[in-house]
Amino acid sequence: MSSCCGVDSQAQIDSAQRKLLWTVLILNGVMFFVEFIAGWVGQSSGLIADSLDMLADALVYSASLYAVGKTLKHKANAALLNGSLQLILASLVVLDVIKRFLFGSEPSADIMLSVAVLALVVNVICFAMLYRFRNGDINIRASWICSRNDMLLNTGVIFSALLVSSQNAAWPDLLIALVIAAIVITSAIGIVRNALQVRRGEADKIEDCCG
């Protein structure tokens, strides 16, 4: 006998979402370490910024995993938390750029290019996997938006690496780091605003079977 109003179907959707989110979480977690270490060794603020963006994505996916199958209030709280963490991470990127601008840096274009290409491949895979859930709840939407933005950022790092090589200067690396920080801040503000709207409008409603 089927459960009330397709509960079994919703459980299957929740299970599929959990498997998907675990996969993209692991991919982004691994790439965070790869990019951060490469950015540190290669003196690249752009790679460090992109790595922290990967970490921010991992936090989004973690929050999404927590929220799967829970109430709107829990989902909004999870989105609010990951949006706030993204703001903190973006601020750290800005501080790193200021430090390297004041004290100088010599980013390695070869390291930037190779790692950014790898990151782009990973994000294309994540984007393709998340695509069919892009119209899901607030946290799933946030996950898809992050993956979509990341592909653009990876392309930006690749372009900045080419400029670092051709211009023999650090400014393209610092510039892309600031661009990434600005995009993360804008995205995070959107996630926080959306979460607050959900909390104000829906968090206190009782969710009956079948809505």
N, C-alpha and C. Protein backbone atom coordinates (compact mmCIF):
# COMPACT_ATOMS: atom_id res chain seq x y z
N MET A 1 0.85 -1.20 0.00
CA MET A 1 0.00 0.00 0.00
C MET A 1 0.88 1.24 0.00
N SER A 2 0.61 2.18 -0.88
CA SER A 2 1.45 3.37 -0.99
C SER A 2 1.26 4.28 0.21
N SER A 3 2.26 5.02 0.56
CA SER A 3 2.21 5.94 1.68
C SER A 3 1.45 7.19 1.28
N CYS A 4 1.12 8.03 2.28
CA CYS A 4 0.33 9.22 2.06
C CYS A 4 0.97 10.14 1.04
N CYS A 5 0.25 10.40 -0.06
CA CYS A 5 0.63 11.42 -1.05
C CYS A 5 2.06 11.29 -1.55
N GLY A 6 2.51 10.07 -1.79
CA GLY A 6 3.81 9.89 -2.41
C GLY A 6 4.99 10.06 -1.49
N VAL A 7 4.85 9.70 -0.20
CA VAL A 7 5.97 9.80 0.74
C VAL A 7 7.11 8.90 0.30
N ASP A 8 6.75 7.69 -0.23
CA ASP A 8 7.78 6.77 -0.71
C ASP A 8 8.59 7.41 -1.83
N SER A 9 7.90 8.10 -2.74
CA SER A 9 8.57 8.77 -3.85
C SER A 9 9.51 9.86 -3.32
N GLN A 10 9.06 10.61 -2.32
CA GLN A 10 9.90 11.65 -1.75
C GLN A 10 11.12 11.05 -1.07
N ALA A 11 10.95 9.89 -0.43
CA ALA A 11 12.08 9.23 0.22
C ALA A 11 13.12 8.81 -0.81
N GLN A 12 12.66 8.36 -1.98
CA GLN A 12 13.59 7.99 -3.04
C GLN A 12 14.35 9.21 -3.56
N ILE A 13 13.64 10.34 -3.69
CA ILE A 13 14.29 11.58 -4.11
C ILE A 13 15.33 12.02 -3.09
N ASP A 14 14.98 11.94 -1.81
CA ASP A 14 15.92 12.32 -0.74
C ASP A 14 17.16 11.44 -0.77
N SER A 15 16.97 10.14 -1.01
CA SER A 15 18.09 9.21 -1.06
C SER A 15 19.01 9.53 -2.23
N ALA A 16 18.42 9.83 -3.39
CA ALA A 16 19.21 10.18 -4.57
C ALA A 16 19.98 11.48 -4.34
N GLN A 17 19.35 12.43 -3.68
CA GLN A 17 20.01 13.69 -3.40
C GLN A 17 21.19 13.50 -2.44
N ARG A 18 21.01 12.64 -1.44
CA ARG A 18 22.10 12.38 -0.48
C ARG A 18 23.32 11.77 -1.19
N LYS A 19 23.08 10.77 -2.05
CA LYS A 19 24.18 10.14 -2.78
C LYS A 19 24.90 11.16 -3.67
N LEU A 20 24.12 11.98 -4.36
CA LEU A 20 24.69 13.00 -5.23
C LEU A 20 25.52 13.99 -4.42
N LEU A 21 24.98 14.47 -3.32
CA LEU A 21 25.67 15.48 -2.51
C LEU A 21 26.94 14.93 -1.88
N TRP A 22 26.91 13.65 -1.47
CA TRP A 22 28.14 13.03 -0.93
C TRP A 22 29.23 12.99 -2.01
N THR A 23 28.82 12.69 -3.24
CA THR A 23 29.79 12.61 -4.33
C THR A 23 30.44 13.96 -4.61
N VAL A 24 29.62 15.00 -4.77
CA VAL A 24 30.18 16.32 -5.07
C VAL A 24 30.91 16.90 -3.86
N LEU A 25 30.49 16.52 -2.66
CA LEU A 25 31.19 16.96 -1.45
C LEU A 25 32.62 16.41 -1.43
N ILE A 26 32.77 15.13 -1.73
CA ILE A 26 34.10 14.51 -1.74
C ILE A 26 34.97 15.12 -2.82
N LEU A 27 34.40 15.31 -4.02
CA LEU A 27 35.17 15.90 -5.12
C LEU A 27 35.67 17.30 -4.76
N ASN A 28 34.79 18.11 -4.18
CA ASN A 28 35.19 19.48 -3.82
C ASN A 28 36.15 19.50 -2.65
N GLY A 29 35.98 18.57 -1.71
CA GLY A 29 36.90 18.50 -0.58
C GLY A 29 38.31 18.15 -1.02
N VAL A 30 38.42 17.19 -1.94
CA VAL A 30 39.74 16.81 -2.46
C VAL A 30 40.37 17.97 -3.22
N MET A 31 39.57 18.64 -4.06
CA MET A 31 40.11 19.74 -4.85
C MET A 31 40.49 20.94 -3.98
N PHE A 32 39.82 21.12 -2.85
CA PHE A 32 40.22 22.19 -1.94
C PHE A 32 41.66 22.00 -1.50
N PHE A 33 41.99 20.79 -1.06
CA PHE A 33 43.35 20.51 -0.60
C PHE A 33 44.36 20.64 -1.75
N VAL A 34 44.00 20.13 -2.92
CA VAL A 34 44.90 20.19 -4.07
C VAL A 34 45.18 21.65 -4.44
N GLU A 35 44.12 22.45 -4.55
CA GLU A 35 44.30 23.84 -4.97
C GLU A 35 44.99 24.68 -3.90
N PHE A 36 44.64 24.45 -2.64
CA PHE A 36 45.24 25.26 -1.58
C PHE A 36 46.75 25.01 -1.50
N ILE A 37 47.13 23.73 -1.53
CA ILE A 37 48.56 23.39 -1.47
C ILE A 37 49.28 23.95 -2.70
N ALA A 38 48.67 23.78 -3.88
CA ALA A 38 49.29 24.30 -5.10
C ALA A 38 49.39 25.82 -5.06
N GLY A 39 48.36 26.48 -4.54
CA GLY A 39 48.39 27.93 -4.43
C GLY A 39 49.46 28.41 -3.47
N TRP A 40 49.63 27.68 -2.37
CA TRP A 40 50.65 28.04 -1.38
C TRP A 40 52.05 27.85 -1.96
N VAL A 41 52.27 26.70 -2.59
CA VAL A 41 53.58 26.41 -3.18
C VAL A 41 53.85 27.35 -4.35
N GLY A 42 52.82 27.59 -5.18
CA GLY A 42 53.00 28.42 -6.37
C GLY A 42 52.80 29.90 -6.13
N GLN A 43 52.62 30.32 -4.87
CA GLN A 43 52.42 31.73 -4.51
C GLN A 43 51.29 32.38 -5.30
N SER A 44 50.20 31.65 -5.45
CA SER A 44 49.08 32.13 -6.26
C SER A 44 47.86 32.44 -5.39
N SER A 45 47.53 33.73 -5.28
CA SER A 45 46.32 34.12 -4.56
C SER A 45 45.08 33.62 -5.29
N GLY A 46 45.17 33.55 -6.63
CA GLY A 46 44.05 33.06 -7.41
C GLY A 46 43.70 31.62 -7.09
N LEU A 47 44.70 30.76 -7.01
CA LEU A 47 44.46 29.36 -6.66
C LEU A 47 43.98 29.22 -5.22
N ILE A 48 44.57 30.00 -4.32
CA ILE A 48 44.12 29.96 -2.92
C ILE A 48 42.66 30.39 -2.82
N ALA A 49 42.30 31.47 -3.56
CA ALA A 49 40.92 31.93 -3.57
C ALA A 49 40.00 30.86 -4.14
N ASP A 50 40.43 30.22 -5.22
CA ASP A 50 39.61 29.18 -5.83
C ASP A 50 39.48 27.97 -4.91
N SER A 51 40.55 27.68 -4.16
CA SER A 51 40.49 26.56 -3.22
C SER A 51 39.51 26.85 -2.10
N LEU A 52 39.51 28.09 -1.60
CA LEU A 52 38.56 28.45 -0.55
C LEU A 52 37.14 28.46 -1.08
N ASP A 53 37.00 28.77 -2.39
CA ASP A 53 35.69 28.67 -3.01
C ASP A 53 35.24 27.21 -3.06
N MET A 54 36.20 26.31 -3.34
CA MET A 54 35.90 24.87 -3.29
C MET A 54 35.47 24.45 -1.88
N LEU A 55 36.18 24.98 -0.87
CA LEU A 55 35.81 24.68 0.52
C LEU A 55 34.42 25.21 0.83
N ALA A 56 34.14 26.42 0.34
CA ALA A 56 32.80 26.99 0.55
C ALA A 56 31.74 26.09 -0.08
N ASP A 57 32.03 25.56 -1.27
CA ASP A 57 31.10 24.64 -1.92
C ASP A 57 30.90 23.38 -1.09
N ALA A 58 32.02 22.86 -0.54
CA ALA A 58 31.92 21.67 0.30
C ALA A 58 31.03 21.94 1.51
N LEU A 59 31.12 23.16 2.05
CA LEU A 59 30.26 23.54 3.17
C LEU A 59 28.80 23.62 2.74
N VAL A 60 28.58 24.14 1.51
CA VAL A 60 27.22 24.19 0.98
C VAL A 60 26.65 22.78 0.85
N TYR A 61 27.46 21.86 0.30
CA TYR A 61 27.00 20.49 0.12
C TYR A 61 26.75 19.82 1.48
N SER A 62 27.61 20.12 2.46
CA SER A 62 27.42 19.56 3.80
C SER A 62 26.10 20.05 4.40
N ALA A 63 25.85 21.36 4.24
CA ALA A 63 24.59 21.92 4.74
C ALA A 63 23.40 21.31 4.02
N SER A 64 23.56 21.09 2.71
CA SER A 64 22.48 20.48 1.93
C SER A 64 22.21 19.06 2.39
N LEU A 65 23.28 18.30 2.68
CA LEU A 65 23.10 16.94 3.20
C LEU A 65 22.35 16.95 4.52
N TYR A 66 22.72 17.88 5.37
CA TYR A 66 22.03 18.01 6.66
C TYR A 66 20.55 18.30 6.47
N ALA A 67 20.23 19.11 5.45
CA ALA A 67 18.87 19.60 5.28
C ALA A 67 17.95 18.65 4.52
N VAL A 68 18.52 17.66 3.80
CA VAL A 68 17.69 16.75 3.01
C VAL A 68 16.66 16.05 3.89
N GLY A 69 15.39 16.18 3.50
CA GLY A 69 14.32 15.52 4.22
C GLY A 69 13.85 16.24 5.47
N LYS A 70 14.47 17.39 5.79
CA LYS A 70 14.08 18.12 7.00
C LYS A 70 13.10 19.23 6.67
N THR A 71 12.64 19.93 7.70
CA THR A 71 11.65 20.99 7.52
C THR A 71 12.28 22.22 6.87
N LEU A 72 11.42 23.13 6.41
CA LEU A 72 11.89 24.37 5.81
C LEU A 72 12.74 25.18 6.79
N LYS A 73 12.38 25.12 8.06
CA LYS A 73 13.14 25.87 9.07
C LYS A 73 14.57 25.35 9.16
N HIS A 74 14.74 24.03 9.17
CA HIS A 74 16.08 23.44 9.21
C HIS A 74 16.86 23.78 7.93
N LYS A 75 16.17 23.73 6.79
CA LYS A 75 16.83 24.02 5.52
C LYS A 75 17.29 25.48 5.47
N ALA A 76 16.44 26.38 5.95
CA ALA A 76 16.80 27.79 5.96
C ALA A 76 17.96 28.06 6.90
N ASN A 77 17.97 27.40 8.05
CA ASN A 77 19.08 27.58 9.00
C ASN A 77 20.39 27.07 8.42
N ALA A 78 20.33 25.94 7.70
CA ALA A 78 21.53 25.39 7.07
C ALA A 78 22.06 26.34 6.00
N ALA A 79 21.14 26.89 5.18
CA ALA A 79 21.55 27.83 4.14
C ALA A 79 22.14 29.09 4.75
N LEU A 80 21.55 29.56 5.85
CA LEU A 80 22.06 30.76 6.53
C LEU A 80 23.47 30.54 7.05
N LEU A 81 23.71 29.35 7.59
CA LEU A 81 25.04 29.04 8.12
C LEU A 81 26.08 29.00 7.01
N ASN A 82 25.78 28.29 5.91
CA ASN A 82 26.81 28.18 4.87
C ASN A 82 27.02 29.51 4.15
N GLY A 83 25.99 30.33 4.04
CA GLY A 83 26.17 31.65 3.46
C GLY A 83 27.08 32.52 4.31
N SER A 84 26.92 32.44 5.61
CA SER A 84 27.75 33.21 6.53
C SER A 84 29.20 32.74 6.47
N LEU A 85 29.41 31.43 6.39
CA LEU A 85 30.77 30.90 6.31
C LEU A 85 31.45 31.33 5.01
N GLN A 86 30.68 31.40 3.93
CA GLN A 86 31.26 31.85 2.67
C GLN A 86 31.73 33.30 2.76
N LEU A 87 30.98 34.13 3.47
CA LEU A 87 31.39 35.52 3.67
C LEU A 87 32.71 35.61 4.41
N ILE A 88 32.88 34.76 5.41
CA ILE A 88 34.13 34.74 6.19
C ILE A 88 35.30 34.31 5.30
N LEU A 89 35.10 33.25 4.51
CA LEU A 89 36.17 32.75 3.64
C LEU A 89 36.57 33.79 2.60
N ALA A 90 35.60 34.48 2.03
CA ALA A 90 35.90 35.50 1.04
C ALA A 90 36.70 36.64 1.66
N SER A 91 36.40 36.97 2.89
CA SER A 91 37.15 38.02 3.59
C SER A 91 38.60 37.61 3.79
N LEU A 92 38.84 36.33 4.05
CA LEU A 92 40.22 35.83 4.20
C LEU A 92 40.98 35.94 2.89
N VAL A 93 40.30 35.72 1.78
CA VAL A 93 40.93 35.86 0.47
C VAL A 93 41.36 37.30 0.25
N VAL A 94 40.50 38.24 0.57
CA VAL A 94 40.83 39.66 0.41
C VAL A 94 42.06 40.02 1.24
N LEU A 95 42.13 39.51 2.46
CA LEU A 95 43.29 39.76 3.32
C LEU A 95 44.57 39.19 2.70
N ASP A 96 44.47 38.01 2.09
CA ASP A 96 45.63 37.39 1.45
C ASP A 96 46.10 38.24 0.26
N VAL A 97 45.17 38.76 -0.52
CA VAL A 97 45.53 39.61 -1.65
C VAL A 97 46.23 40.88 -1.18
N ILE A 98 45.71 41.48 -0.12
CA ILE A 98 46.33 42.70 0.42
C ILE A 98 47.76 42.41 0.89
N LYS A 99 47.94 41.28 1.55
CA LYS A 99 49.28 40.91 2.04
C LYS A 99 50.25 40.73 0.88
N ARG A 100 49.82 40.01 -0.16
CA ARG A 100 50.71 39.77 -1.30
C ARG A 100 50.96 41.05 -2.11
N PHE A 101 49.97 41.94 -2.15
CA PHE A 101 50.16 43.21 -2.84
C PHE A 101 51.20 44.07 -2.12
N LEU A 102 51.15 44.05 -0.79
CA LEU A 102 52.08 44.87 -0.01
C LEU A 102 53.48 44.29 0.04
N PHE A 103 53.58 42.96 0.14
CA PHE A 103 54.88 42.34 0.34
C PHE A 103 55.41 41.62 -0.91
N GLY A 104 54.60 41.57 -1.95
CA GLY A 104 55.04 40.98 -3.20
C GLY A 104 54.84 39.48 -3.28
N SER A 105 54.76 38.96 -4.51
CA SER A 105 54.64 37.52 -4.74
C SER A 105 55.07 37.22 -6.17
N GLU A 106 55.45 35.97 -6.41
CA GLU A 106 55.85 35.53 -7.74
C GLU A 106 55.07 34.26 -8.09
N PRO A 107 53.82 34.44 -8.51
CA PRO A 107 52.99 33.26 -8.81
C PRO A 107 53.54 32.45 -9.97
N SER A 108 53.42 31.12 -9.85
CA SER A 108 53.87 30.21 -10.91
C SER A 108 52.73 30.00 -11.90
N ALA A 109 52.90 30.49 -13.11
CA ALA A 109 51.87 30.36 -14.13
C ALA A 109 51.62 28.89 -14.48
N ASP A 110 52.66 28.07 -14.51
CA ASP A 110 52.50 26.66 -14.87
C ASP A 110 51.63 25.92 -13.85
N ILE A 111 51.91 26.17 -12.57
CA ILE A 111 51.11 25.53 -11.52
C ILE A 111 49.67 26.03 -11.58
N MET A 112 49.50 27.34 -11.74
CA MET A 112 48.16 27.91 -11.83
C MET A 112 47.36 27.27 -12.97
N LEU A 113 47.98 27.17 -14.13
CA LEU A 113 47.27 26.68 -15.31
C LEU A 113 46.87 25.22 -15.15
N SER A 114 47.80 24.38 -14.74
CA SER A 114 47.53 22.94 -14.65
C SER A 114 46.47 22.63 -13.60
N VAL A 115 46.57 23.27 -12.45
CA VAL A 115 45.61 23.00 -11.37
C VAL A 115 44.25 23.59 -11.69
N ALA A 116 44.22 24.77 -12.31
CA ALA A 116 42.94 25.38 -12.67
C ALA A 116 42.20 24.55 -13.71
N VAL A 117 42.91 23.96 -14.65
CA VAL A 117 42.28 23.08 -15.64
C VAL A 117 41.68 21.86 -14.95
N LEU A 118 42.43 21.28 -14.01
CA LEU A 118 41.92 20.13 -13.26
C LEU A 118 40.66 20.51 -12.48
N ALA A 119 40.68 21.68 -11.84
CA ALA A 119 39.52 22.14 -11.08
C ALA A 119 38.32 22.36 -11.99
N LEU A 120 38.56 22.87 -13.19
CA LEU A 120 37.48 23.07 -14.14
C LEU A 120 36.83 21.75 -14.53
N VAL A 121 37.63 20.73 -14.76
CA VAL A 121 37.10 19.40 -15.10
C VAL A 121 36.21 18.88 -13.97
N VAL A 122 36.68 19.02 -12.74
CA VAL A 122 35.91 18.55 -11.58
C VAL A 122 34.59 19.30 -11.48
N ASN A 123 34.62 20.62 -11.68
CA ASN A 123 33.40 21.40 -11.56
C ASN A 123 32.42 21.13 -12.69
N VAL A 124 32.92 20.83 -13.87
CA VAL A 124 32.02 20.45 -14.97
C VAL A 124 31.28 19.16 -14.62
N ILE A 125 32.01 18.22 -14.02
CA ILE A 125 31.40 16.96 -13.59
C ILE A 125 30.33 17.22 -12.53
N CYS A 126 30.65 18.06 -11.54
CA CYS A 126 29.69 18.38 -10.48
C CYS A 126 28.46 19.09 -11.05
N PHE A 127 28.70 20.02 -11.97
CA PHE A 127 27.60 20.76 -12.58
C PHE A 127 26.65 19.82 -13.31
N ALA A 128 27.22 18.89 -14.07
CA ALA A 128 26.39 17.94 -14.82
C ALA A 128 25.57 17.06 -13.88
N MET A 129 26.17 16.66 -12.77
CA MET A 129 25.48 15.80 -11.82
C MET A 129 24.35 16.53 -11.10
N LEU A 130 24.55 17.82 -10.82
CA LEU A 130 23.58 18.60 -10.07
C LEU A 130 22.48 19.18 -10.95
N TYR A 131 22.66 19.14 -12.26
CA TYR A 131 21.77 19.85 -13.17
C TYR A 131 20.30 19.45 -13.01
N ARG A 132 20.03 18.18 -12.88
CA ARG A 132 18.63 17.75 -12.83
C ARG A 132 17.94 18.12 -11.52
N PHE A 133 18.74 18.53 -10.51
CA PHE A 133 18.15 18.94 -9.24
C PHE A 133 18.18 20.47 -9.08
N ARG A 134 18.44 21.20 -10.17
CA ARG A 134 18.64 22.65 -10.07
C ARG A 134 17.41 23.40 -9.60
N ASN A 135 16.23 22.79 -9.75
CA ASN A 135 14.99 23.44 -9.31
C ASN A 135 14.48 22.86 -8.00
N GLY A 136 15.39 22.26 -7.23
CA GLY A 136 15.01 21.67 -5.94
C GLY A 136 14.89 22.70 -4.84
N ASP A 137 15.05 22.25 -3.58
CA ASP A 137 14.88 23.17 -2.45
C ASP A 137 16.03 24.16 -2.38
N ILE A 138 15.98 25.03 -1.39
CA ILE A 138 16.92 26.14 -1.28
C ILE A 138 18.38 25.70 -1.25
N ASN A 139 18.68 24.60 -0.55
CA ASN A 139 20.06 24.14 -0.44
C ASN A 139 20.55 23.46 -1.71
N ILE A 140 19.67 22.70 -2.37
CA ILE A 140 20.05 22.07 -3.64
C ILE A 140 20.29 23.14 -4.69
N ARG A 141 19.44 24.16 -4.72
CA ARG A 141 19.65 25.27 -5.65
C ARG A 141 20.97 25.96 -5.39
N ALA A 142 21.29 26.16 -4.11
CA ALA A 142 22.56 26.80 -3.74
C ALA A 142 23.74 25.96 -4.24
N SER A 143 23.63 24.63 -4.14
CA SER A 143 24.69 23.74 -4.59
C SER A 143 24.90 23.86 -6.09
N TRP A 144 23.80 23.90 -6.85
CA TRP A 144 23.90 24.01 -8.30
C TRP A 144 24.47 25.36 -8.72
N ILE A 145 24.03 26.43 -8.05
CA ILE A 145 24.54 27.77 -8.36
C ILE A 145 26.04 27.84 -8.11
N CYS A 146 26.50 27.26 -6.99
CA CYS A 146 27.93 27.26 -6.67
C CYS A 146 28.73 26.55 -7.76
N SER A 147 28.24 25.41 -8.21
CA SER A 147 28.94 24.65 -9.25
C SER A 147 28.98 25.43 -10.55
N ARG A 148 27.89 26.08 -10.89
CA ARG A 148 27.83 26.90 -12.12
C ARG A 148 28.83 28.05 -12.05
N ASN A 149 28.86 28.74 -10.92
CA ASN A 149 29.79 29.87 -10.76
C ASN A 149 31.24 29.40 -10.80
N ASP A 150 31.50 28.23 -10.25
CA ASP A 150 32.87 27.72 -10.16
C ASP A 150 33.50 27.52 -11.54
N MET A 151 32.71 27.08 -12.50
CA MET A 151 33.25 26.88 -13.84
C MET A 151 33.74 28.20 -14.43
N LEU A 152 32.99 29.27 -14.17
CA LEU A 152 33.41 30.59 -14.63
C LEU A 152 34.68 31.04 -13.92
N LEU A 153 34.76 30.76 -12.62
CA LEU A 153 35.94 31.17 -11.85
C LEU A 153 37.18 30.40 -12.29
N ASN A 154 37.02 29.11 -12.55
CA ASN A 154 38.16 28.30 -13.02
C ASN A 154 38.67 28.84 -14.34
N THR A 155 37.75 29.21 -15.21
CA THR A 155 38.14 29.80 -16.49
C THR A 155 38.91 31.10 -16.28
N GLY A 156 38.46 31.88 -15.29
CA GLY A 156 39.16 33.12 -14.96
C GLY A 156 40.57 32.88 -14.47
N VAL A 157 40.76 31.83 -13.65
CA VAL A 157 42.10 31.51 -13.16
C VAL A 157 43.00 31.07 -14.31
N ILE A 158 42.45 30.28 -15.23
CA ILE A 158 43.22 29.85 -16.40
C ILE A 158 43.67 31.07 -17.20
N PHE A 159 42.76 32.01 -17.43
CA PHE A 159 43.08 33.21 -18.19
C PHE A 159 44.14 34.04 -17.45
N SER A 160 44.00 34.15 -16.12
CA SER A 160 44.98 34.93 -15.35
C SER A 160 46.35 34.27 -15.39
N ALA A 161 46.38 32.93 -15.42
CA ALA A 161 47.67 32.22 -15.50
C ALA A 161 48.36 32.55 -16.82
N LEU A 162 47.59 32.62 -17.88
CA LEU A 162 48.17 32.98 -19.18
C LEU A 162 48.71 34.40 -19.17
N LEU A 163 48.01 35.30 -18.48
CA LEU A 163 48.47 36.68 -18.37
C LEU A 163 49.72 36.79 -17.50
N VAL A 164 49.76 36.02 -16.40
CA VAL A 164 50.95 36.01 -15.54
C VAL A 164 52.16 35.59 -16.36
N SER A 165 51.97 34.60 -17.21
CA SER A 165 53.06 34.10 -18.04
C SER A 165 53.48 35.12 -19.10
N SER A 166 52.50 35.71 -19.77
CA SER A 166 52.82 36.63 -20.86
C SER A 166 53.32 37.99 -20.37
N GLN A 167 52.77 38.44 -19.23
CA GLN A 167 53.14 39.75 -18.71
C GLN A 167 54.29 39.68 -17.69
N ASN A 168 54.59 38.47 -17.25
CA ASN A 168 55.62 38.28 -16.22
C ASN A 168 55.36 39.19 -15.02
N ALA A 169 54.12 39.18 -14.56
CA ALA A 169 53.70 40.04 -13.45
C ALA A 169 52.69 39.31 -12.59
N ALA A 170 52.55 39.78 -11.34
CA ALA A 170 51.65 39.12 -10.39
C ALA A 170 50.24 39.69 -10.41
N TRP A 171 50.05 40.86 -11.01
CA TRP A 171 48.76 41.53 -10.89
C TRP A 171 47.57 40.71 -11.43
N PRO A 172 47.72 39.92 -12.53
CA PRO A 172 46.55 39.14 -12.97
C PRO A 172 46.10 38.13 -11.91
N ASP A 173 47.05 37.56 -11.19
CA ASP A 173 46.73 36.59 -10.14
C ASP A 173 45.97 37.28 -9.00
N LEU A 174 46.44 38.46 -8.60
CA LEU A 174 45.78 39.20 -7.53
C LEU A 174 44.39 39.67 -7.96
N LEU A 175 44.28 40.05 -9.22
CA LEU A 175 43.00 40.53 -9.74
C LEU A 175 41.96 39.42 -9.75
N ILE A 176 42.32 38.22 -10.23
CA ILE A 176 41.34 37.14 -10.28
C ILE A 176 40.95 36.70 -8.88
N ALA A 177 41.89 36.80 -7.93
CA ALA A 177 41.56 36.47 -6.54
C ALA A 177 40.49 37.42 -6.00
N LEU A 178 40.63 38.71 -6.31
CA LEU A 178 39.63 39.69 -5.87
C LEU A 178 38.29 39.45 -6.56
N VAL A 179 38.33 39.08 -7.84
CA VAL A 179 37.09 38.79 -8.57
C VAL A 179 36.38 37.60 -7.94
N ILE A 180 37.13 36.55 -7.62
CA ILE A 180 36.55 35.37 -6.99
C ILE A 180 35.94 35.73 -5.65
N ALA A 181 36.67 36.53 -4.85
CA ALA A 181 36.16 36.94 -3.54
C ALA A 181 34.86 37.73 -3.70
N ALA A 182 34.81 38.62 -4.70
CA ALA A 182 33.61 39.43 -4.91
C ALA A 182 32.42 38.56 -5.31
N ILE A 183 32.67 37.57 -6.18
CA ILE A 183 31.59 36.68 -6.62
C ILE A 183 31.08 35.83 -5.45
N VAL A 184 32.02 35.32 -4.64
CA VAL A 184 31.62 34.52 -3.48
C VAL A 184 30.80 35.36 -2.51
N ILE A 185 31.23 36.60 -2.28
CA ILE A 185 30.50 37.49 -1.38
C ILE A 185 29.09 37.75 -1.90
N THR A 186 28.99 38.04 -3.20
CA THR A 186 27.68 38.29 -3.80
C THR A 186 26.77 37.08 -3.69
N SER A 187 27.32 35.89 -4.01
CA SER A 187 26.56 34.65 -3.91
C SER A 187 26.13 34.38 -2.48
N ALA A 188 27.05 34.60 -1.55
CA ALA A 188 26.75 34.34 -0.13
C ALA A 188 25.66 35.26 0.38
N ILE A 189 25.71 36.52 -0.02
CA ILE A 189 24.67 37.46 0.39
C ILE A 189 23.31 37.02 -0.14
N GLY A 190 23.30 36.53 -1.40
CA GLY A 190 22.05 36.03 -1.97
C GLY A 190 21.51 34.83 -1.21
N ILE A 191 22.40 33.90 -0.83
CA ILE A 191 21.98 32.72 -0.07
C ILE A 191 21.44 33.12 1.30
N VAL A 192 22.13 34.06 1.97
CA VAL A 192 21.69 34.52 3.29
C VAL A 192 20.33 35.22 3.18
N ARG A 193 20.19 36.08 2.18
CA ARG A 193 18.92 36.80 2.00
C ARG A 193 17.77 35.83 1.73
N ASN A 194 18.02 34.84 0.87
CA ASN A 194 17.00 33.85 0.55
C ASN A 194 16.62 33.05 1.79
N ALA A 195 17.64 32.67 2.57
CA ALA A 195 17.37 31.90 3.79
C ALA A 195 16.54 32.70 4.79
N LEU A 196 16.86 33.98 4.94
CA LEU A 196 16.11 34.82 5.87
C LEU A 196 14.67 35.00 5.41
N GLN A 197 14.47 35.09 4.09
CA GLN A 197 13.11 35.20 3.56
C GLN A 197 12.31 33.94 3.86
N VAL A 198 12.96 32.77 3.68
CA VAL A 198 12.29 31.50 3.96
C VAL A 198 11.94 31.41 5.44
N ARG A 199 12.89 31.81 6.29
CA ARG A 199 12.63 31.76 7.73
C ARG A 199 11.47 32.66 8.13
N ARG A 200 11.42 33.84 7.53
CA ARG A 200 10.34 34.77 7.88
C ARG A 200 8.99 34.29 7.37
N GLY A 201 9.00 33.72 6.16
CA GLY A 201 7.73 33.39 5.54
C GLY A 201 7.22 31.99 5.76
N GLU A 202 8.14 31.02 6.02
CA GLU A 202 7.72 29.62 6.02
C GLU A 202 8.14 28.83 7.25
N ALA A 203 9.10 29.27 8.00
CA ALA A 203 9.70 28.43 9.02
C ALA A 203 8.74 28.01 10.10
N ASP A 204 7.74 28.83 10.39
CA ASP A 204 6.83 28.52 11.50
C ASP A 204 5.56 27.79 11.07
N LYS A 205 5.48 27.47 9.76
CA LYS A 205 4.30 26.73 9.30
C LYS A 205 4.43 25.25 9.58
N ILE A 206 3.34 24.61 9.90
CA ILE A 206 3.32 23.17 10.11
C ILE A 206 3.17 22.48 8.77
N GLU A 207 4.10 21.57 8.48
CA GLU A 207 4.07 20.88 7.20
C GLU A 207 3.21 19.61 7.31
N ASP A 208 2.01 19.69 6.74
CA ASP A 208 1.12 18.53 6.73
C ASP A 208 1.48 17.59 5.60
N CYS A 209 1.02 16.39 5.67
CA CYS A 209 1.24 15.45 4.58
C CYS A 209 0.63 16.02 3.30
N CYS A 210 1.39 15.96 2.22
CA CYS A 210 1.00 16.49 0.92
C CYS A 210 0.96 18.00 0.89
N GLY A 211 1.58 18.72 1.85
CA GLY A 211 1.64 20.18 1.79
C GLY A 211 0.30 20.81 2.04
